[in-house]
Amino acid sequence: MFETILLLAFCLLVGLIALAVCVYLAVSGLLFTLDGLLLVLICLTIGGIFVLNVAWSVYTGELKKVLEHLRKKPDQSEPTSSPSVESAS
């Protein structure tokens, strides 16, 4: 379960970094150069792939299951698998 959360957090981080690079290129004025256009195209493609992984996880309910599993605390009142043996006197 922890791997899934870590994977989705990494995918979201890569997607946000790719979007930040696109915003930086637009703000700095390098967007309408040939290098800027190609870099924006590459960043949007890579960012889209990683963000779609997170979106697919939300769509299929995988993220919800993982978060519910992490929120669920083990019940202390559950019976043990082997009953305790009382000594006869």
PDB file of N, CA and C in Angstrom:
ATOM      1  N   MET A   1       0.814  -1.188   0.000  1.00  0.00           N
ATOM      2  CA  MET A   1       0.000   0.000   0.000  1.00  0.00           C
ATOM      3  C   MET A   1       0.867   1.266   0.000  1.00  0.00           C
ATOM      4  N   PHE A   2       1.969   1.236   0.739  1.00  0.00           N
ATOM      5  CA  PHE A   2       2.834   2.410   0.799  1.00  0.00           C
ATOM      6  C   PHE A   2       3.476   2.677  -0.557  1.00  0.00           C
ATOM      7  N   GLU A   3       3.779   1.601  -1.302  1.00  0.00           N
ATOM      8  CA  GLU A   3       4.373   1.772  -2.620  1.00  0.00           C
ATOM      9  C   GLU A   3       3.429   2.503  -3.561  1.00  0.00           C
ATOM     10  N   THR A   4       2.144   2.199  -3.458  1.00  0.00           N
ATOM     11  CA  THR A   4       1.158   2.831  -4.324  1.00  0.00           C
ATOM     12  C   THR A   4       1.070   4.322  -4.043  1.00  0.00           C
ATOM     13  N   ILE A   5       1.045   4.681  -2.768  1.00  0.00           N
ATOM     14  CA  ILE A   5       0.998   6.100  -2.402  1.00  0.00           C
ATOM     15  C   ILE A   5       2.261   6.802  -2.882  1.00  0.00           C
ATOM     16  N   LEU A   6       3.395   6.168  -2.696  1.00  0.00           N
ATOM     17  CA  LEU A   6       4.665   6.760  -3.122  1.00  0.00           C
ATOM     18  C   LEU A   6       4.713   6.914  -4.641  1.00  0.00           C
ATOM     19  N   LEU A   7       4.240   5.925  -5.364  1.00  0.00           N
ATOM     20  CA  LEU A   7       4.224   5.987  -6.823  1.00  0.00           C
ATOM     21  C   LEU A   7       3.316   7.110  -7.316  1.00  0.00           C
ATOM     22  N   LEU A   8       2.130   7.222  -6.737  1.00  0.00           N
ATOM     23  CA  LEU A   8       1.199   8.257  -7.170  1.00  0.00           C
ATOM     24  C   LEU A   8       1.698   9.648  -6.801  1.00  0.00           C
ATOM     25  N   ALA A   9       2.353   9.771  -5.653  1.00  0.00           N
ATOM     26  CA  ALA A   9       2.926  11.067  -5.270  1.00  0.00           C
ATOM     27  C   ALA A   9       4.049  11.452  -6.229  1.00  0.00           C
ATOM     28  N   PHE A  10       4.880  10.495  -6.612  1.00  0.00           N
ATOM     29  CA  PHE A  10       5.947  10.765  -7.565  1.00  0.00           C
ATOM     30  C   PHE A  10       5.383  11.166  -8.924  1.00  0.00           C
ATOM     31  N   CYS A  11       4.359  10.473  -9.379  1.00  0.00           N
ATOM     32  CA  CYS A  11       3.745  10.798 -10.666  1.00  0.00           C
ATOM     33  C   CYS A  11       3.144  12.198 -10.642  1.00  0.00           C
ATOM     34  N   LEU A  12       2.499  12.548  -9.552  1.00  0.00           N
ATOM     35  CA  LEU A  12       1.919  13.884  -9.431  1.00  0.00           C
ATOM     36  C   LEU A  12       3.015  14.945  -9.393  1.00  0.00           C
ATOM     37  N   LEU A  13       4.109  14.666  -8.711  1.00  0.00           N
ATOM     38  CA  LEU A  13       5.223  15.603  -8.640  1.00  0.00           C
ATOM     39  C   LEU A  13       5.840  15.833 -10.021  1.00  0.00           C
ATOM     40  N   VAL A  14       6.051  14.775 -10.787  1.00  0.00           N
ATOM     41  CA  VAL A  14       6.609  14.915 -12.133  1.00  0.00           C
ATOM     42  C   VAL A  14       5.658  15.716 -13.020  1.00  0.00           C
ATOM     43  N   GLY A  15       4.363  15.468 -12.888  1.00  0.00           N
ATOM     44  CA  GLY A  15       3.384  16.223 -13.672  1.00  0.00           C
ATOM     45  C   GLY A  15       3.388  17.699 -13.330  1.00  0.00           C
ATOM     46  N   LEU A  16       3.511  18.012 -12.043  1.00  0.00           N
ATOM     47  CA  LEU A  16       3.542  19.416 -11.631  1.00  0.00           C
ATOM     48  C   LEU A  16       4.835  20.104 -12.061  1.00  0.00           C
ATOM     49  N   ILE A  17       5.948  19.391 -12.017  1.00  0.00           N
ATOM     50  CA  ILE A  17       7.218  19.962 -12.479  1.00  0.00           C
ATOM     51  C   ILE A  17       7.157  20.246 -13.978  1.00  0.00           C
ATOM     52  N   ALA A  18       6.577  19.342 -14.744  1.00  0.00           N
ATOM     53  CA  ALA A  18       6.444  19.560 -16.187  1.00  0.00           C
ATOM     54  C   ALA A  18       5.564  20.772 -16.474  1.00  0.00           C
ATOM     55  N   LEU A  19       4.500  20.930 -15.707  1.00  0.00           N
ATOM     56  CA  LEU A  19       3.636  22.097 -15.873  1.00  0.00           C
ATOM     57  C   LEU A  19       4.365  23.373 -15.469  1.00  0.00           C
ATOM     58  N   ALA A  20       5.185  23.302 -14.429  1.00  0.00           N
ATOM     59  CA  ALA A  20       5.954  24.468 -13.988  1.00  0.00           C
ATOM     60  C   ALA A  20       6.956  24.897 -15.059  1.00  0.00           C
ATOM     61  N   VAL A  21       7.565  23.936 -15.749  1.00  0.00           N
ATOM     62  CA  VAL A  21       8.502  24.270 -16.833  1.00  0.00           C
ATOM     63  C   VAL A  21       7.751  24.981 -17.962  1.00  0.00           C
ATOM     64  N   CYS A  22       6.562  24.524 -18.271  1.00  0.00           N
ATOM     65  CA  CYS A  22       5.769  25.173 -19.323  1.00  0.00           C
ATOM     66  C   CYS A  22       5.394  26.598 -18.932  1.00  0.00           C
ATOM     67  N   VAL A  23       5.021  26.803 -17.692  1.00  0.00           N
ATOM     68  CA  VAL A  23       4.684  28.147 -17.214  1.00  0.00           C
ATOM     69  C   VAL A  23       5.924  29.036 -17.237  1.00  0.00           C
ATOM     70  N   TYR A  24       7.056  28.494 -16.834  1.00  0.00           N
ATOM     71  CA  TYR A  24       8.300  29.272 -16.854  1.00  0.00           C
ATOM     72  C   TYR A  24       8.636  29.724 -18.272  1.00  0.00           C
ATOM     73  N   LEU A  25       8.482  28.823 -19.232  1.00  0.00           N
ATOM     74  CA  LEU A  25       8.779  29.186 -20.616  1.00  0.00           C
ATOM     75  C   LEU A  25       7.826  30.260 -21.129  1.00  0.00           C
ATOM     76  N   ALA A  26       6.572  30.186 -20.711  1.00  0.00           N
ATOM     77  CA  ALA A  26       5.611  31.193 -21.140  1.00  0.00           C
ATOM     78  C   ALA A  26       5.914  32.551 -20.506  1.00  0.00           C
ATOM     79  N   VAL A  27       6.288  32.569 -19.235  1.00  0.00           N
ATOM     80  CA  VAL A  27       6.566  33.818 -18.534  1.00  0.00           C
ATOM     81  C   VAL A  27       7.865  34.446 -19.026  1.00  0.00           C
ATOM     82  N   SER A  28       8.860  33.631 -19.283  1.00  0.00           N
ATOM     83  CA  SER A  28      10.166  34.158 -19.691  1.00  0.00           C
ATOM     84  C   SER A  28      10.203  34.602 -21.152  1.00  0.00           C
ATOM     85  N   GLY A  29       9.199  34.277 -21.924  1.00  0.00           N
ATOM     86  CA  GLY A  29       9.158  34.694 -23.316  1.00  0.00           C
ATOM     87  C   GLY A  29       9.827  33.731 -24.273  1.00  0.00           C
ATOM     88  N   LEU A  30      10.260  32.596 -23.804  1.00  0.00           N
ATOM     89  CA  LEU A  30      10.916  31.612 -24.662  1.00  0.00           C
ATOM     90  C   LEU A  30       9.936  30.633 -25.298  1.00  0.00           C
ATOM     91  N   LEU A  31       8.664  30.852 -25.066  1.00  0.00           N
ATOM     92  CA  LEU A  31       7.657  29.909 -25.538  1.00  0.00           C
ATOM     93  C   LEU A  31       7.594  29.852 -27.066  1.00  0.00           C
ATOM     94  N   PHE A  32       7.774  30.983 -27.740  1.00  0.00           N
ATOM     95  CA  PHE A  32       7.574  31.025 -29.183  1.00  0.00           C
ATOM     96  C   PHE A  32       8.877  30.908 -29.981  1.00  0.00           C
ATOM     97  N   THR A  33       9.878  30.335 -29.333  1.00  0.00           N
ATOM     98  CA  THR A  33      11.073  29.954 -30.087  1.00  0.00           C
ATOM     99  C   THR A  33      10.949  28.477 -30.440  1.00  0.00           C
ATOM    100  N   LEU A  34      11.770  28.025 -31.362  1.00  0.00           N
ATOM    101  CA  LEU A  34      11.696  26.619 -31.756  1.00  0.00           C
ATOM    102  C   LEU A  34      12.037  25.702 -30.586  1.00  0.00           C
ATOM    103  N   ASP A  35      13.083  26.068 -29.836  1.00  0.00           N
ATOM    104  CA  ASP A  35      13.457  25.262 -28.667  1.00  0.00           C
ATOM    105  C   ASP A  35      12.361  25.276 -27.613  1.00  0.00           C
ATOM    106  N   GLY A  36      11.767  26.439 -27.417  1.00  0.00           N
ATOM    107  CA  GLY A  36      10.700  26.556 -26.423  1.00  0.00           C
ATOM    108  C   GLY A  36       9.478  25.737 -26.789  1.00  0.00           C
ATOM    109  N   LEU A  37       9.111  25.772 -28.059  1.00  0.00           N
ATOM    110  CA  LEU A  37       7.945  24.991 -28.495  1.00  0.00           C
ATOM    111  C   LEU A  37       8.181  23.492 -28.337  1.00  0.00           C
ATOM    112  N   LEU A  38       9.365  23.039 -28.707  1.00  0.00           N
ATOM    113  CA  LEU A  38       9.657  21.614 -28.566  1.00  0.00           C
ATOM    114  C   LEU A  38       9.723  21.203 -27.094  1.00  0.00           C
ATOM    115  N   LEU A  39      10.309  22.076 -26.254  1.00  0.00           N
ATOM    116  CA  LEU A  39      10.381  21.754 -24.830  1.00  0.00           C
ATOM    117  C   LEU A  39       9.002  21.715 -24.198  1.00  0.00           C
ATOM    118  N   VAL A  40       8.126  22.633 -24.592  1.00  0.00           N
ATOM    119  CA  VAL A  40       6.754  22.623 -24.080  1.00  0.00           C
ATOM    120  C   VAL A  40       6.026  21.367 -24.537  1.00  0.00           C
ATOM    121  N   LEU A  41       6.214  20.984 -25.784  1.00  0.00           N
ATOM    122  CA  LEU A  41       5.573  19.770 -26.295  1.00  0.00           C
ATOM    123  C   LEU A  41       6.045  18.534 -25.529  1.00  0.00           C
ATOM    124  N   ILE A  42       7.331  18.445 -25.284  1.00  0.00           N
ATOM    125  CA  ILE A  42       7.885  17.302 -24.544  1.00  0.00           C
ATOM    126  C   ILE A  42       7.396  17.313 -23.105  1.00  0.00           C
ATOM    127  N   CYS A  43       7.430  18.478 -22.461  1.00  0.00           N
ATOM    128  CA  CYS A  43       6.997  18.561 -21.058  1.00  0.00           C
ATOM    129  C   CYS A  43       5.515  18.233 -20.911  1.00  0.00           C
ATOM    130  N   LEU A  44       4.689  18.731 -21.820  1.00  0.00           N
ATOM    131  CA  LEU A  44       3.262  18.424 -21.735  1.00  0.00           C
ATOM    132  C   LEU A  44       2.991  16.942 -21.983  1.00  0.00           C
ATOM    133  N   THR A  45       3.751  16.325 -22.864  1.00  0.00           N
ATOM    134  CA  THR A  45       3.575  14.892 -23.116  1.00  0.00           C
ATOM    135  C   THR A  45       3.967  14.066 -21.896  1.00  0.00           C
ATOM    136  N   ILE A  46       5.145  14.352 -21.364  1.00  0.00           N
ATOM    137  CA  ILE A  46       5.604  13.594 -20.189  1.00  0.00           C
ATOM    138  C   ILE A  46       4.708  13.864 -18.988  1.00  0.00           C
ATOM    139  N   GLY A  47       4.384  15.125 -18.760  1.00  0.00           N
ATOM    140  CA  GLY A  47       3.500  15.464 -17.642  1.00  0.00           C
ATOM    141  C   GLY A  47       2.126  14.842 -17.788  1.00  0.00           C
ATOM    142  N   GLY A  48       1.615  14.829 -19.013  1.00  0.00           N
ATOM    143  CA  GLY A  48       0.299  14.225 -19.243  1.00  0.00           C
ATOM    144  C   GLY A  48       0.283  12.740 -18.966  1.00  0.00           C
ATOM    145  N   ILE A  49       1.343  12.052 -19.357  1.00  0.00           N
ATOM    146  CA  ILE A  49       1.416  10.608 -19.104  1.00  0.00           C
ATOM    147  C   ILE A  49       1.424  10.324 -17.603  1.00  0.00           C
ATOM    148  N   PHE A  50       2.222  11.077 -16.864  1.00  0.00           N
ATOM    149  CA  PHE A  50       2.310  10.840 -15.425  1.00  0.00           C
ATOM    150  C   PHE A  50       1.028  11.241 -14.701  1.00  0.00           C
ATOM    151  N   VAL A  51       0.405  12.339 -15.111  1.00  0.00           N
ATOM    152  CA  VAL A  51      -0.838  12.765 -14.457  1.00  0.00           C
ATOM    153  C   VAL A  51      -1.986  11.821 -14.828  1.00  0.00           C
ATOM    154  N   LEU A  52      -1.952  11.265 -16.034  1.00  0.00           N
ATOM    155  CA  LEU A  52      -2.987  10.300 -16.404  1.00  0.00           C
ATOM    156  C   LEU A  52      -2.898   9.026 -15.554  1.00  0.00           C
ATOM    157  N   ASN A  53      -1.700   8.679 -15.099  1.00  0.00           N
ATOM    158  CA  ASN A  53      -1.562   7.540 -14.194  1.00  0.00           C
ATOM    159  C   ASN A  53      -2.305   7.812 -12.887  1.00  0.00           C
ATOM    160  N   VAL A  54      -2.174   9.024 -12.366  1.00  0.00           N
ATOM    161  CA  VAL A  54      -2.888   9.392 -11.136  1.00  0.00           C
ATOM    162  C   VAL A  54      -4.393   9.447 -11.402  1.00  0.00           C
ATOM    163  N   ALA A  55      -4.775  10.019 -12.539  1.00  0.00           N
ATOM    164  CA  ALA A  55      -6.198  10.106 -12.879  1.00  0.00           C
ATOM    165  C   ALA A  55      -6.816   8.714 -13.045  1.00  0.00           C
ATOM    166  N   TRP A  56      -6.076   7.798 -13.647  1.00  0.00           N
ATOM    167  CA  TRP A  56      -6.594   6.434 -13.815  1.00  0.00           C
ATOM    168  C   TRP A  56      -6.767   5.748 -12.461  1.00  0.00           C
ATOM    169  N   SER A  57      -5.856   6.016 -11.538  1.00  0.00           N
ATOM    170  CA  SER A  57      -5.955   5.446 -10.205  1.00  0.00           C
ATOM    171  C   SER A  57      -7.189   5.976  -9.476  1.00  0.00           C
ATOM    172  N   VAL A  58      -7.485   7.242  -9.669  1.00  0.00           N
ATOM    173  CA  VAL A  58      -8.690   7.824  -9.061  1.00  0.00           C
ATOM    174  C   VAL A  58      -9.933   7.254  -9.733  1.00  0.00           C
ATOM    175  N   TYR A  59      -9.907   7.131 -11.053  1.00  0.00           N
ATOM    176  CA  TYR A  59     -11.058   6.634 -11.812  1.00  0.00           C
ATOM    177  C   TYR A  59     -11.407   5.191 -11.443  1.00  0.00           C
ATOM    178  N   THR A  60     -10.400   4.344 -11.303  1.00  0.00           N
ATOM    179  CA  THR A  60     -10.657   2.936 -10.996  1.00  0.00           C
ATOM    180  C   THR A  60     -10.937   2.696  -9.514  1.00  0.00           C
ATOM    181  N   GLY A  61     -10.682   3.678  -8.682  1.00  0.00           N
ATOM    182  CA  GLY A  61     -10.941   3.529  -7.253  1.00  0.00           C
ATOM    183  C   GLY A  61      -9.770   2.972  -6.478  1.00  0.00           C
ATOM    184  N   GLU A  62      -8.634   2.799  -7.125  1.00  0.00           N
ATOM    185  CA  GLU A  62      -7.460   2.254  -6.443  1.00  0.00           C
ATOM    186  C   GLU A  62      -6.980   3.187  -5.341  1.00  0.00           C
ATOM    187  N   LEU A  63      -6.965   4.472  -5.608  1.00  0.00           N
ATOM    188  CA  LEU A  63      -6.514   5.442  -4.613  1.00  0.00           C
ATOM    189  C   LEU A  63      -7.449   5.459  -3.409  1.00  0.00           C
ATOM    190  N   LYS A  64      -8.746   5.346  -3.655  1.00  0.00           N
ATOM    191  CA  LYS A  64      -9.720   5.334  -2.567  1.00  0.00           C
ATOM    192  C   LYS A  64      -9.527   4.105  -1.674  1.00  0.00           C
ATOM    193  N   LYS A  65      -9.277   2.952  -2.291  1.00  0.00           N
ATOM    194  CA  LYS A  65      -9.054   1.729  -1.519  1.00  0.00           C
ATOM    195  C   LYS A  65      -7.797   1.836  -0.659  1.00  0.00           C
ATOM    196  N   VAL A  66      -6.748   2.414  -1.230  1.00  0.00           N
ATOM    197  CA  VAL A  66      -5.493   2.552  -0.487  1.00  0.00           C
ATOM    198  C   VAL A  66      -5.670   3.501   0.684  1.00  0.00           C
ATOM    199  N   LEU A  67      -6.341   4.617   0.448  1.00  0.00           N
ATOM    200  CA  LEU A  67      -6.544   5.575   1.534  1.00  0.00           C
ATOM    201  C   LEU A  67      -7.453   5.010   2.623  1.00  0.00           C
ATOM    202  N   GLU A  68      -8.481   4.251   2.236  1.00  0.00           N
ATOM    203  CA  GLU A  68      -9.339   3.617   3.245  1.00  0.00           C
ATOM    204  C   GLU A  68      -8.568   2.588   4.057  1.00  0.00           C
ATOM    205  N   HIS A  69      -7.675   1.856   3.407  1.00  0.00           N
ATOM    206  CA  HIS A  69      -6.869   0.862   4.111  1.00  0.00           C
ATOM    207  C   HIS A  69      -5.921   1.535   5.102  1.00  0.00           C
ATOM    208  N   LEU A  70      -5.381   2.677   4.723  1.00  0.00           N
ATOM    209  CA  LEU A  70      -4.482   3.390   5.623  1.00  0.00           C
ATOM    210  C   LEU A  70      -5.220   4.028   6.793  1.00  0.00           C
ATOM    211  N   ARG A  71      -6.451   4.459   6.567  1.00  0.00           N
ATOM    212  CA  ARG A  71      -7.246   5.083   7.636  1.00  0.00           C
ATOM    213  C   ARG A  71      -7.783   4.063   8.632  1.00  0.00           C
ATOM    214  N   LYS A  72      -8.013   2.831   8.166  1.00  0.00           N
ATOM    215  CA  LYS A  72      -8.604   1.804   9.016  1.00  0.00           C
ATOM    216  C   LYS A  72      -7.597   1.381  10.076  1.00  0.00           C
ATOM    217  N   LYS A  73      -7.996   1.455  11.319  1.00  0.00           N
ATOM    218  CA  LYS A  73      -7.135   1.032  12.419  1.00  0.00           C
ATOM    219  C   LYS A  73      -7.527  -0.387  12.821  1.00  0.00           C
ATOM    220  N   PRO A  74      -6.560  -1.186  13.187  1.00  0.00           N
ATOM    221  CA  PRO A  74      -6.910  -2.544  13.618  1.00  0.00           C
ATOM    222  C   PRO A  74      -7.722  -2.503  14.909  1.00  0.00           C
ATOM    223  N   ASP A  75      -8.752  -3.331  14.952  1.00  0.00           N
ATOM    224  CA  ASP A  75      -9.630  -3.375  16.126  1.00  0.00           C
ATOM    225  C   ASP A  75      -8.960  -4.195  17.219  1.00  0.00           C
ATOM    226  N   GLN A  76      -8.882  -3.634  18.404  1.00  0.00           N
ATOM    227  CA  GLN A  76      -8.215  -4.306  19.514  1.00  0.00           C
ATOM    228  C   GLN A  76      -9.090  -5.398  20.129  1.00  0.00           C
ATOM    229  N   SER A  77     -10.398  -5.355  19.873  1.00  0.00           N
ATOM    230  CA  SER A  77     -11.291  -6.329  20.495  1.00  0.00           C
ATOM    231  C   SER A  77     -11.489  -7.588  19.665  1.00  0.00           C
ATOM    232  N   GLU A  78     -10.777  -7.742  18.573  1.00  0.00           N
ATOM    233  CA  GLU A  78     -10.925  -8.937  17.748  1.00  0.00           C
ATOM    234  C   GLU A  78     -10.373 -10.146  18.497  1.00  0.00           C
ATOM    235  N   PRO A  79     -11.047 -11.275  18.392  1.00  0.00           N
ATOM    236  CA  PRO A  79     -10.542 -12.464  19.075  1.00  0.00           C
ATOM    237  C   PRO A  79      -9.250 -12.961  18.428  1.00  0.00           C
ATOM    238  N   THR A  80      -8.422 -13.559  19.219  1.00  0.00           N
ATOM    239  CA  THR A  80      -7.174 -14.103  18.690  1.00  0.00           C
ATOM    240  C   THR A  80      -7.460 -15.396  17.956  1.00  0.00           C
ATOM    241  N   SER A  81      -6.508 -15.836  17.166  1.00  0.00           N
ATOM    242  CA  SER A  81      -6.719 -17.034  16.364  1.00  0.00           C
ATOM    243  C   SER A  81      -6.691 -18.301  17.214  1.00  0.00           C
ATOM    244  N   SER A  82      -5.934 -18.299  18.322  1.00  0.00           N
ATOM    245  CA  SER A  82      -5.910 -19.463  19.202  1.00  0.00           C
ATOM    246  C   SER A  82      -6.441 -19.049  20.588  1.00  0.00           C
ATOM    247  N   PRO A  83      -7.481 -19.738  21.040  1.00  0.00           N
ATOM    248  CA  PRO A  83      -8.045 -19.366  22.347  1.00  0.00           C
ATOM    249  C   PRO A  83      -7.064 -19.697  23.477  1.00  0.00           C
ATOM    250  N   SER A  84      -7.173 -18.873  24.503  1.00  0.00           N
ATOM    251  CA  SER A  84      -6.276 -19.101  25.633  1.00  0.00           C
ATOM    252  C   SER A  84      -6.763 -20.331  26.424  1.00  0.00           C
ATOM    253  N   VAL A  85      -5.834 -21.117  26.896  1.00  0.00           N
ATOM    254  CA  VAL A  85      -6.145 -22.337  27.640  1.00  0.00           C
ATOM    255  C   VAL A  85      -6.071 -22.015  29.128  1.00  0.00           C
ATOM    256  N   GLU A  86      -7.178 -22.269  29.804  1.00  0.00           N
ATOM    257  CA  GLU A  86      -7.197 -22.027  31.238  1.00  0.00           C
ATOM    258  C   GLU A  86      -6.800 -23.321  31.954  1.00  0.00           C
ATOM    259  N   SER A  87      -6.017 -23.180  32.990  1.00  0.00           N
ATOM    260  CA  SER A  87      -5.594 -24.384  33.726  1.00  0.00           C
ATOM    261  C   SER A  87      -6.723 -24.845  34.641  1.00  0.00           C
ATOM    262  N   ALA A  88      -6.973 -26.129  34.619  1.00  0.00           N
ATOM    263  CA  ALA A  88      -8.019 -26.724  35.463  1.00  0.00           C
ATOM    264  C   ALA A  88      -7.454 -27.012  36.841  1.00  0.00           C
ATOM    265  N   SER A  89      -8.216 -26.669  37.878  1.00  0.00           N
ATOM    266  CA  SER A  89      -7.727 -26.953  39.237  1.00  0.00           C
ATOM    267  C   SER A  89      -8.592 -27.931  39.963  1.00  0.00           C
TER     268      SER A  89
END
